[in-house]
């Protein structure tokens, strides 16, 4: 057997072992019918690993960090997120199996089973938090745009971390309640919407978490400008993380959404910072 083929088999053997561990952990957490499907898939992946092991002559160990990371993803972001990540991996595996059919006869059967796995994973995508993703996007987008802009303006106009933090907290709490109430009324007015309160809760939670993370630097650093810098850094991290989550669960492109959201949030912050500077310089406002 060619060296390149043997290396590929070793890589796939490790991947099968890793996927088997991930499916097993997800099955324990999910339970029910989905849990049983995941257990069967874990068993299939373990068997695939044994097939490749007969060719490599090696015993595979799973990628522990990947197993841990996917387990954390499942706990934080939910089953749908992990399923879509796993499914994207199955797509790549299918191409590699196709290239092995001539050298490894079992590859065709394994490839067919992986296609079945992909269909089974797709059938599981049904999660409450996914139904309210629009509400979460609304809350997070609004918090990022409004609060980064407000904090940038407050930082230059007020110049004190305590004052900026207090003003930001009051603004954030008021805006959270306002956004949650608006989302409740908007969903209630939609035909067929049965849970407007849940939509409001998801909006409020997304908004309040964002507010807390943006205000955190003002309680840690003494310089308001350093705090603003880390506030913007936190905003960028939030945008990156949430855009990645949305891109995975909706199977959309990550980069355009990330660039658009980052540009809007930071653009508003820059304009607000200029307004704060203008208020302090031209209007003589100084605190």
C-alpha atoms as a PDB file:
ATOM      1  CA  UNK A   1       0.000   0.000   0.000  1.00  0.00           C
ATOM      2  CA  UNK A   2       1.244   3.496  -0.835  1.00  0.00           C
ATOM      3  CA  UNK A   3       2.677   5.574   2.003  1.00  0.00           C
ATOM      4  CA  UNK A   4       0.277   8.438   1.280  1.00  0.00           C
ATOM      5  CA  UNK A   5      -2.705   6.061   1.495  1.00  0.00           C
ATOM      6  CA  UNK A   6      -1.443   4.629   4.769  1.00  0.00           C
ATOM      7  CA  UNK A   7      -1.052   8.121   6.255  1.00  0.00           C
ATOM      8  CA  UNK A   8      -4.576   8.995   5.173  1.00  0.00           C
ATOM      9  CA  UNK A   9      -5.914   5.823   6.788  1.00  0.00           C
ATOM     10  CA  UNK A  10      -4.139   6.646  10.050  1.00  0.00           C
ATOM     11  CA  UNK A  11      -5.639  10.147  10.016  1.00  0.00           C
ATOM     12  CA  UNK A  12      -9.124   8.790   9.303  1.00  0.00           C
ATOM     13  CA  UNK A  13      -8.728   6.137  11.991  1.00  0.00           C
ATOM     14  CA  UNK A  14      -8.072   8.857  14.584  1.00  0.00           C
ATOM     15  CA  UNK A  15     -10.991  10.926  13.264  1.00  0.00           C
ATOM     16  CA  UNK A  16     -13.383   7.969  13.505  1.00  0.00           C
ATOM     17  CA  UNK A  17     -12.267   7.315  17.079  1.00  0.00           C
ATOM     18  CA  UNK A  18     -12.720  10.987  17.944  1.00  0.00           C
ATOM     19  CA  UNK A  19     -16.188  11.173  16.382  1.00  0.00           C
ATOM     20  CA  UNK A  20     -17.198   8.012  18.244  1.00  0.00           C
ATOM     21  CA  UNK A  21     -16.234   9.650  21.551  1.00  0.00           C
ATOM     22  CA  UNK A  22     -18.125  12.851  20.673  1.00  0.00           C
ATOM     23  CA  UNK A  23     -21.290  10.963  19.679  1.00  0.00           C
ATOM     24  CA  UNK A  24     -21.096   8.928  22.901  1.00  0.00           C
ATOM     25  CA  UNK A  25     -20.880  12.051  25.061  1.00  0.00           C
ATOM     26  CA  UNK A  26     -23.684  13.768  23.173  1.00  0.00           C
ATOM     27  CA  UNK A  27     -25.870  10.652  23.536  1.00  0.00           C
ATOM     28  CA  UNK A  28     -25.430  10.723  27.318  1.00  0.00           C
ATOM     29  CA  UNK A  29     -26.512  14.359  27.475  1.00  0.00           C
ATOM     30  CA  UNK A  30     -29.367  14.260  24.947  1.00  0.00           C
ATOM     31  CA  UNK A  31     -31.157  11.027  25.834  1.00  0.00           C
ATOM     32  CA  UNK A  32     -34.396   9.857  24.208  1.00  0.00           C
ATOM     33  CA  UNK A  33     -34.667   8.897  20.557  1.00  0.00           C
ATOM     34  CA  UNK A  34     -31.901  11.282  19.470  1.00  0.00           C
ATOM     35  CA  UNK A  35     -29.645   9.811  22.121  1.00  0.00           C
ATOM     36  CA  UNK A  36     -30.253   6.302  20.802  1.00  0.00           C
ATOM     37  CA  UNK A  37     -29.431   7.414  17.239  1.00  0.00           C
ATOM     38  CA  UNK A  38     -26.213   9.018  18.473  1.00  0.00           C
ATOM     39  CA  UNK A  39     -25.251   5.822  20.343  1.00  0.00           C
ATOM     40  CA  UNK A  40     -25.716   3.761  17.171  1.00  0.00           C
ATOM     41  CA  UNK A  41     -23.630   6.258  15.240  1.00  0.00           C
ATOM     42  CA  UNK A  42     -20.911   6.089  17.909  1.00  0.00           C
ATOM     43  CA  UNK A  43     -20.863   2.318  17.521  1.00  0.00           C
ATOM     44  CA  UNK A  44     -20.581   2.640  13.714  1.00  0.00           C
ATOM     45  CA  UNK A  45     -17.677   5.087  14.023  1.00  0.00           C
ATOM     46  CA  UNK A  46     -15.880   2.737  16.442  1.00  0.00           C
ATOM     47  CA  UNK A  47     -16.322  -0.112  13.962  1.00  0.00           C
ATOM     48  CA  UNK A  48     -14.959   2.074  11.131  1.00  0.00           C
ATOM     49  CA  UNK A  49     -11.947   2.814  13.317  1.00  0.00           C
ATOM     50  CA  UNK A  50     -11.331  -0.928  13.721  1.00  0.00           C
ATOM     51  CA  UNK A  51     -11.512  -1.434   9.933  1.00  0.00           C
ATOM     52  CA  UNK A  52      -8.828   1.196   9.310  1.00  0.00           C
ATOM     53  CA  UNK A  53      -6.816  -0.300  12.169  1.00  0.00           C
ATOM     54  CA  UNK A  54      -6.549  -3.615  10.312  1.00  0.00           C
ATOM     55  CA  UNK A  55      -4.675  -1.759   7.557  1.00  0.00           C
ATOM     56  CA  UNK A  56      -2.543   0.543   9.710  1.00  0.00           C
ATOM     57  CA  UNK A  57      -1.744  -2.030  12.389  1.00  0.00           C
ATOM     58  CA  UNK A  58      -2.098   0.702  15.015  1.00  0.00           C
ATOM     59  CA  UNK A  59      -4.464   1.479  17.857  1.00  0.00           C
ATOM     60  CA  UNK A  60      -6.008   4.935  17.542  1.00  0.00           C
ATOM     61  CA  UNK A  61      -6.460   7.425  20.366  1.00  0.00           C
ATOM     62  CA  UNK A  62      -9.104  10.153  20.070  1.00  0.00           C
ATOM     63  CA  UNK A  63      -8.207  13.831  19.881  1.00  0.00           C
ATOM     64  CA  UNK A  64      -8.981  14.625  23.504  1.00  0.00           C
ATOM     65  CA  UNK A  65      -9.042  18.374  23.044  1.00  0.00           C
ATOM     66  CA  UNK A  66     -11.532  18.134  20.165  1.00  0.00           C
ATOM     67  CA  UNK A  67     -13.773  15.824  22.198  1.00  0.00           C
ATOM     68  CA  UNK A  68     -13.644  18.252  25.128  1.00  0.00           C
ATOM     69  CA  UNK A  69     -14.232  21.269  22.873  1.00  0.00           C
ATOM     70  CA  UNK A  70     -17.261  19.733  21.160  1.00  0.00           C
ATOM     71  CA  UNK A  71     -18.675  18.697  24.527  1.00  0.00           C
ATOM     72  CA  UNK A  72     -18.374  22.299  25.734  1.00  0.00           C
ATOM     73  CA  UNK A  73     -19.913  23.554  22.486  1.00  0.00           C
ATOM     74  CA  UNK A  74     -22.831  21.189  23.001  1.00  0.00           C
ATOM     75  CA  UNK A  75     -23.396  22.473  26.533  1.00  0.00           C
ATOM     76  CA  UNK A  76     -23.149  26.183  25.597  1.00  0.00           C
ATOM     77  CA  UNK A  77     -24.525  26.358  22.060  1.00  0.00           C
ATOM     78  CA  UNK A  78     -26.751  23.287  21.947  1.00  0.00           C
ATOM     79  CA  UNK A  79     -27.024  20.099  19.938  1.00  0.00           C
ATOM     80  CA  UNK A  80     -27.848  21.845  16.651  1.00  0.00           C
ATOM     81  CA  UNK A  81     -24.553  23.733  16.618  1.00  0.00           C
ATOM     82  CA  UNK A  82     -22.470  20.606  17.263  1.00  0.00           C
ATOM     83  CA  UNK A  83     -24.456  18.577  14.750  1.00  0.00           C
ATOM     84  CA  UNK A  84     -23.809  21.085  11.977  1.00  0.00           C
ATOM     85  CA  UNK A  85     -20.105  21.155  12.807  1.00  0.00           C
ATOM     86  CA  UNK A  86     -19.966  17.372  12.719  1.00  0.00           C
ATOM     87  CA  UNK A  87     -21.935  17.305   9.481  1.00  0.00           C
ATOM     88  CA  UNK A  88     -19.449  19.627   7.810  1.00  0.00           C
ATOM     89  CA  UNK A  89     -16.751  17.145   8.805  1.00  0.00           C
ATOM     90  CA  UNK A  90     -18.752  14.281   7.325  1.00  0.00           C
ATOM     91  CA  UNK A  91     -18.836  16.144   3.995  1.00  0.00           C
ATOM     92  CA  UNK A  92     -15.036  16.240   3.886  1.00  0.00           C
ATOM     93  CA  UNK A  93     -14.734  12.610   4.949  1.00  0.00           C
ATOM     94  CA  UNK A  94     -16.941  11.481   2.052  1.00  0.00           C
ATOM     95  CA  UNK A  95     -14.471  12.867  -0.496  1.00  0.00           C
ATOM     96  CA  UNK A  96     -11.577  11.060   1.171  1.00  0.00           C
ATOM     97  CA  UNK A  97     -13.473   7.750   1.239  1.00  0.00           C
ATOM     98  CA  UNK A  98     -14.152   8.070  -2.487  1.00  0.00           C
ATOM     99  CA  UNK A  99     -10.418   8.293  -3.155  1.00  0.00           C
ATOM    100  CA  UNK A 100      -9.733   5.117  -1.155  1.00  0.00           C
ATOM    101  CA  UNK A 101     -12.187   2.770  -2.858  1.00  0.00           C
ATOM    102  CA  UNK A 102      -9.580   1.324  -5.251  1.00  0.00           C
ATOM    103  CA  UNK A 103      -7.047   0.527  -2.498  1.00  0.00           C
ATOM    104  CA  UNK A 104      -9.460  -0.304   0.342  1.00  0.00           C
ATOM    105  CA  UNK A 105     -12.596  -2.316  -0.607  1.00  0.00           C
ATOM    106  CA  UNK A 106     -14.338  -1.523   2.702  1.00  0.00           C
ATOM    107  CA  UNK A 107     -14.215   2.205   1.956  1.00  0.00           C
ATOM    108  CA  UNK A 108     -17.350   2.089  -0.214  1.00  0.00           C
ATOM    109  CA  UNK A 109     -19.490   0.584   2.547  1.00  0.00           C
ATOM    110  CA  UNK A 110     -18.118   2.999   5.118  1.00  0.00           C
ATOM    111  CA  UNK A 111     -18.767   5.931   2.787  1.00  0.00           C
ATOM    112  CA  UNK A 112     -22.409   4.849   2.431  1.00  0.00           C
ATOM    113  CA  UNK A 113     -22.760   4.612   6.210  1.00  0.00           C
ATOM    114  CA  UNK A 114     -21.278   8.100   6.607  1.00  0.00           C
ATOM    115  CA  UNK A 115     -23.897   9.423   4.182  1.00  0.00           C
ATOM    116  CA  UNK A 116     -26.588   7.804   6.350  1.00  0.00           C
ATOM    117  CA  UNK A 117     -25.020   9.486   9.388  1.00  0.00           C
ATOM    118  CA  UNK A 118     -25.249  12.830   7.640  1.00  0.00           C
ATOM    119  CA  UNK A 119     -28.971  12.347   6.991  1.00  0.00           C
ATOM    120  CA  UNK A 120     -29.573  11.248  10.584  1.00  0.00           C
ATOM    121  CA  UNK A 121     -27.748  14.292  11.909  1.00  0.00           C
ATOM    122  CA  UNK A 122     -29.776  16.608   9.682  1.00  0.00           C
ATOM    123  CA  UNK A 123     -33.020  15.079  11.001  1.00  0.00           C
ATOM    124  CA  UNK A 124     -32.046  15.976  14.577  1.00  0.00           C
ATOM    125  CA  UNK A 125     -31.834  19.734  13.937  1.00  0.00           C
ATOM    126  CA  UNK A 126     -34.823  20.851  15.992  1.00  0.00           C
ATOM    127  CA  UNK A 127     -34.044  22.954  19.023  1.00  0.00           C
ATOM    128  CA  UNK A 128     -35.963  25.653  20.883  1.00  0.00           C
ATOM    129  CA  UNK A 129     -33.097  28.117  20.977  1.00  0.00           C
ATOM    130  CA  UNK A 130     -32.832  27.847  17.181  1.00  0.00           C
ATOM    131  CA  UNK A 131     -36.466  28.949  16.832  1.00  0.00           C
ATOM    132  CA  UNK A 132     -35.670  32.146  18.714  1.00  0.00           C
ATOM    133  CA  UNK A 133     -32.335  32.876  17.097  1.00  0.00           C
ATOM    134  CA  UNK A 134     -33.854  35.939  15.425  1.00  0.00           C
ATOM    135  CA  UNK A 135     -34.735  37.335  18.853  1.00  0.00           C
ATOM    136  CA  UNK A 136     -31.201  36.697  20.119  1.00  0.00           C
ATOM    137  CA  UNK A 137     -29.697  38.361  17.046  1.00  0.00           C
ATOM    138  CA  UNK A 138     -31.956  41.367  17.580  1.00  0.00           C
ATOM    139  CA  UNK A 139     -30.976  41.730  21.229  1.00  0.00           C
ATOM    140  CA  UNK A 140     -27.273  41.255  20.630  1.00  0.00           C
ATOM    141  CA  UNK A 141     -27.055  43.500  17.566  1.00  0.00           C
ATOM    142  CA  UNK A 142     -28.956  46.275  19.262  1.00  0.00           C
ATOM    143  CA  UNK A 143     -26.849  46.058  22.430  1.00  0.00           C
ATOM    144  CA  UNK A 144     -23.593  46.117  20.493  1.00  0.00           C
ATOM    145  CA  UNK A 145     -24.548  49.046  18.280  1.00  0.00           C
ATOM    146  CA  UNK A 146     -26.235  51.151  20.958  1.00  0.00           C
ATOM    147  CA  UNK A 147     -23.972  50.484  23.925  1.00  0.00           C
ATOM    148  CA  UNK A 148     -20.591  50.576  22.171  1.00  0.00           C
ATOM    149  CA  UNK A 149     -21.640  53.925  20.715  1.00  0.00           C
ATOM    150  CA  UNK A 150     -22.949  55.212  24.036  1.00  0.00           C
ATOM    151  CA  UNK A 151     -19.870  54.093  25.985  1.00  0.00           C
ATOM    152  CA  UNK A 152     -17.527  55.643  23.425  1.00  0.00           C
ATOM    153  CA  UNK A 153     -19.369  58.969  23.725  1.00  0.00           C
ATOM    154  CA  UNK A 154     -19.595  58.750  27.541  1.00  0.00           C
ATOM    155  CA  UNK A 155     -15.872  57.945  27.831  1.00  0.00           C
ATOM    156  CA  UNK A 156     -14.726  61.158  26.209  1.00  0.00           C
ATOM    157  CA  UNK A 157     -17.530  63.416  27.456  1.00  0.00           C
ATOM    158  CA  UNK A 158     -17.555  62.232  31.094  1.00  0.00           C
ATOM    159  CA  UNK A 159     -13.957  61.079  31.552  1.00  0.00           C
ATOM    160  CA  UNK A 160     -14.499  59.061  34.766  1.00  0.00           C
ATOM    161  CA  UNK A 161     -14.762  55.278  34.877  1.00  0.00           C
ATOM    162  CA  UNK A 162     -17.273  55.335  37.717  1.00  0.00           C
ATOM    163  CA  UNK A 163     -19.467  57.853  35.936  1.00  0.00           C
ATOM    164  CA  UNK A 164     -19.171  56.109  32.578  1.00  0.00           C
ATOM    165  CA  UNK A 165     -19.901  52.725  34.192  1.00  0.00           C
ATOM    166  CA  UNK A 166     -22.960  54.069  36.002  1.00  0.00           C
ATOM    167  CA  UNK A 167     -24.274  55.833  32.896  1.00  0.00           C
ATOM    168  CA  UNK A 168     -23.649  52.691  30.825  1.00  0.00           C
ATOM    169  CA  UNK A 169     -25.376  50.465  33.380  1.00  0.00           C
ATOM    170  CA  UNK A 170     -28.470  52.661  33.519  1.00  0.00           C
ATOM    171  CA  UNK A 171     -28.547  52.883  29.718  1.00  0.00           C
ATOM    172  CA  UNK A 172     -28.057  49.115  29.367  1.00  0.00           C
ATOM    173  CA  UNK A 173     -30.739  48.086  31.858  1.00  0.00           C
ATOM    174  CA  UNK A 174     -33.254  50.559  30.430  1.00  0.00           C
ATOM    175  CA  UNK A 175     -32.518  49.429  26.875  1.00  0.00           C
ATOM    176  CA  UNK A 176     -32.783  45.738  27.893  1.00  0.00           C
ATOM    177  CA  UNK A 177     -36.255  46.224  29.316  1.00  0.00           C
ATOM    178  CA  UNK A 178     -37.273  48.353  26.330  1.00  0.00           C
ATOM    179  CA  UNK A 179     -36.020  45.808  23.780  1.00  0.00           C
ATOM    180  CA  UNK A 180     -37.624  42.854  25.589  1.00  0.00           C
ATOM    181  CA  UNK A 181     -40.957  44.681  25.786  1.00  0.00           C
ATOM    182  CA  UNK A 182     -40.778  45.677  22.120  1.00  0.00           C
ATOM    183  CA  UNK A 183     -39.993  42.103  21.068  1.00  0.00           C
ATOM    184  CA  UNK A 184     -42.891  40.788  23.163  1.00  0.00           C
ATOM    185  CA  UNK A 185     -45.354  43.196  21.523  1.00  0.00           C
ATOM    186  CA  UNK A 186     -43.938  42.529  18.044  1.00  0.00           C
ATOM    187  CA  UNK A 187     -44.185  38.731  18.415  1.00  0.00           C
ATOM    188  CA  UNK A 188     -47.625  38.942  19.987  1.00  0.00           C
ATOM    189  CA  UNK A 189     -48.862  40.823  16.936  1.00  0.00           C
ATOM    190  CA  UNK A 190     -47.556  38.111  14.563  1.00  0.00           C
ATOM    191  CA  UNK A 191     -50.171  35.553  13.426  1.00  0.00           C
ATOM    192  CA  UNK A 192     -49.485  32.070  14.770  1.00  0.00           C
ATOM    193  CA  UNK A 193     -46.868  33.117  17.344  1.00  0.00           C
ATOM    194  CA  UNK A 194     -47.622  31.148  20.505  1.00  0.00           C
ATOM    195  CA  UNK A 195     -44.743  32.167  22.760  1.00  0.00           C
ATOM    196  CA  UNK A 196     -44.092  35.920  22.566  1.00  0.00           C
ATOM    197  CA  UNK A 197     -42.837  35.924  26.156  1.00  0.00           C
ATOM    198  CA  UNK A 198     -40.068  33.425  25.320  1.00  0.00           C
ATOM    199  CA  UNK A 199     -38.957  35.594  22.406  1.00  0.00           C
ATOM    200  CA  UNK A 200     -38.817  38.585  24.771  1.00  0.00           C
ATOM    201  CA  UNK A 201     -36.781  36.596  27.303  1.00  0.00           C
ATOM    202  CA  UNK A 202     -34.236  35.477  24.679  1.00  0.00           C
ATOM    203  CA  UNK A 203     -33.912  39.088  23.457  1.00  0.00           C
ATOM    204  CA  UNK A 204     -33.463  40.404  26.998  1.00  0.00           C
ATOM    205  CA  UNK A 205     -30.912  37.752  27.978  1.00  0.00           C
ATOM    206  CA  UNK A 206     -28.797  38.357  24.850  1.00  0.00           C
ATOM    207  CA  UNK A 207     -28.933  42.111  25.471  1.00  0.00           C
ATOM    208  CA  UNK A 208     -28.076  41.919  29.176  1.00  0.00           C
ATOM    209  CA  UNK A 209     -25.144  39.521  28.710  1.00  0.00           C
ATOM    210  CA  UNK A 210     -23.726  41.854  26.075  1.00  0.00           C
ATOM    211  CA  UNK A 211     -24.187  44.849  28.385  1.00  0.00           C
ATOM    212  CA  UNK A 212     -22.331  43.075  31.212  1.00  0.00           C
ATOM    213  CA  UNK A 213     -19.384  42.118  28.995  1.00  0.00           C
ATOM    214  CA  UNK A 214     -19.080  45.620  27.525  1.00  0.00           C
ATOM    215  CA  UNK A 215     -19.198  47.284  30.968  1.00  0.00           C
ATOM    216  CA  UNK A 216     -16.740  44.844  32.569  1.00  0.00           C
ATOM    217  CA  UNK A 217     -13.542  46.766  31.545  1.00  0.00           C
ATOM    218  CA  UNK A 218     -14.818  49.913  33.273  1.00  0.00           C
ATOM    219  CA  UNK A 219     -14.793  48.047  36.571  1.00  0.00           C
ATOM    220  CA  UNK A 220     -11.338  46.552  36.009  1.00  0.00           C
ATOM    221  CA  UNK A 221      -9.181  49.366  34.591  1.00  0.00           C
ATOM    222  CA  UNK A 222      -8.565  52.817  36.066  1.00  0.00           C
ATOM    223  CA  UNK A 223      -8.059  54.610  32.746  1.00  0.00           C
ATOM    224  CA  UNK A 224     -11.327  55.221  30.843  1.00  0.00           C
ATOM    225  CA  UNK A 225      -9.492  55.063  27.513  1.00  0.00           C
ATOM    226  CA  UNK A 226      -7.932  51.686  28.312  1.00  0.00           C
ATOM    227  CA  UNK A 227     -11.377  50.530  29.446  1.00  0.00           C
ATOM    228  CA  UNK A 228     -12.878  51.712  26.148  1.00  0.00           C
ATOM    229  CA  UNK A 229     -10.186  49.856  24.210  1.00  0.00           C
ATOM    230  CA  UNK A 230     -10.987  46.599  26.007  1.00  0.00           C
ATOM    231  CA  UNK A 231     -14.703  47.328  25.695  1.00  0.00           C
ATOM    232  CA  UNK A 232     -14.275  47.428  21.910  1.00  0.00           C
ATOM    233  CA  UNK A 233     -12.135  44.279  22.065  1.00  0.00           C
ATOM    234  CA  UNK A 234     -14.918  42.509  23.984  1.00  0.00           C
ATOM    235  CA  UNK A 235     -17.417  43.746  21.402  1.00  0.00           C
ATOM    236  CA  UNK A 236     -15.284  42.281  18.608  1.00  0.00           C
ATOM    237  CA  UNK A 237     -15.057  38.928  20.437  1.00  0.00           C
ATOM    238  CA  UNK A 238     -18.833  38.851  21.005  1.00  0.00           C
ATOM    239  CA  UNK A 239     -19.477  39.646  17.350  1.00  0.00           C
ATOM    240  CA  UNK A 240     -17.035  36.942  16.226  1.00  0.00           C
ATOM    241  CA  UNK A 241     -18.460  34.289  18.560  1.00  0.00           C
ATOM    242  CA  UNK A 242     -22.118  34.971  17.890  1.00  0.00           C
ATOM    243  CA  UNK A 243     -21.637  35.394  14.127  1.00  0.00           C
ATOM    244  CA  UNK A 244     -19.843  32.039  14.073  1.00  0.00           C
ATOM    245  CA  UNK A 245     -22.737  30.463  15.986  1.00  0.00           C
ATOM    246  CA  UNK A 246     -25.334  31.906  13.586  1.00  0.00           C
ATOM    247  CA  UNK A 247     -23.272  30.932  10.524  1.00  0.00           C
ATOM    248  CA  UNK A 248     -23.000  27.321  11.711  1.00  0.00           C
ATOM    249  CA  UNK A 249     -26.627  26.774  12.726  1.00  0.00           C
ATOM    250  CA  UNK A 250     -27.955  28.527   9.611  1.00  0.00           C
ATOM    251  CA  UNK A 251     -25.224  27.117   7.335  1.00  0.00           C
ATOM    252  CA  UNK A 252     -24.319  30.566   6.064  1.00  0.00           C
ATOM    253  CA  UNK A 253     -21.003  32.228   5.264  1.00  0.00           C
ATOM    254  CA  UNK A 254     -19.235  33.572   8.354  1.00  0.00           C
ATOM    255  CA  UNK A 255     -16.984  36.292   6.954  1.00  0.00           C
ATOM    256  CA  UNK A 256     -19.525  38.657   5.272  1.00  0.00           C
ATOM    257  CA  UNK A 257     -21.766  38.672   8.347  1.00  0.00           C
ATOM    258  CA  UNK A 258     -18.824  39.237  10.686  1.00  0.00           C
ATOM    259  CA  UNK A 259     -17.394  42.125   8.647  1.00  0.00           C
ATOM    260  CA  UNK A 260     -20.813  43.780   8.313  1.00  0.00           C
ATOM    261  CA  UNK A 261     -21.653  43.555  12.005  1.00  0.00           C
ATOM    262  CA  UNK A 262     -18.165  44.662  13.080  1.00  0.00           C
ATOM    263  CA  UNK A 263     -18.226  47.633  10.699  1.00  0.00           C
ATOM    264  CA  UNK A 264     -21.631  48.818  11.928  1.00  0.00           C
ATOM    265  CA  UNK A 265     -20.797  48.521  15.638  1.00  0.00           C
ATOM    266  CA  UNK A 266     -17.367  50.117  15.397  1.00  0.00           C
ATOM    267  CA  UNK A 267     -18.618  52.765  12.965  1.00  0.00           C
ATOM    268  CA  UNK A 268     -21.314  53.870  15.414  1.00  0.00           C
ATOM    269  CA  UNK A 269     -18.723  53.845  18.230  1.00  0.00           C
ATOM    270  CA  UNK A 270     -16.426  56.106  16.184  1.00  0.00           C
ATOM    271  CA  UNK A 271     -19.228  58.576  15.428  1.00  0.00           C
ATOM    272  CA  UNK A 272     -20.305  58.622  19.088  1.00  0.00           C
ATOM    273  CA  UNK A 273     -16.712  59.148  20.212  1.00  0.00           C
ATOM    274  CA  UNK A 274     -16.502  62.171  17.901  1.00  0.00           C
ATOM    275  CA  UNK A 275     -19.802  63.500  19.295  1.00  0.00           C
ATOM    276  CA  UNK A 276     -18.411  63.124  22.822  1.00  0.00           C
ATOM    277  CA  UNK A 277     -15.251  64.972  21.805  1.00  0.00           C
ATOM    278  CA  UNK A 278     -17.327  67.721  20.178  1.00  0.00           C
ATOM    279  CA  UNK A 279     -19.510  68.094  23.271  1.00  0.00           C
ATOM    280  CA  UNK A 280     -16.471  68.344  25.495  1.00  0.00           C
ATOM    281  CA  UNK A 281     -14.481  70.704  23.236  1.00  0.00           C
ATOM    282  CA  UNK A 282     -16.976  72.981  21.524  1.00  0.00           C
ATOM    283  CA  UNK A 283     -19.753  73.088  24.087  1.00  0.00           C
ATOM    284  CA  UNK A 284     -17.481  73.228  27.100  1.00  0.00           C
ATOM    285  CA  UNK A 285     -18.963  70.150  28.772  1.00  0.00           C
ATOM    286  CA  UNK A 286     -16.445  68.714  31.209  1.00  0.00           C
ATOM    287  CA  UNK A 287     -17.020  66.461  34.210  1.00  0.00           C
END
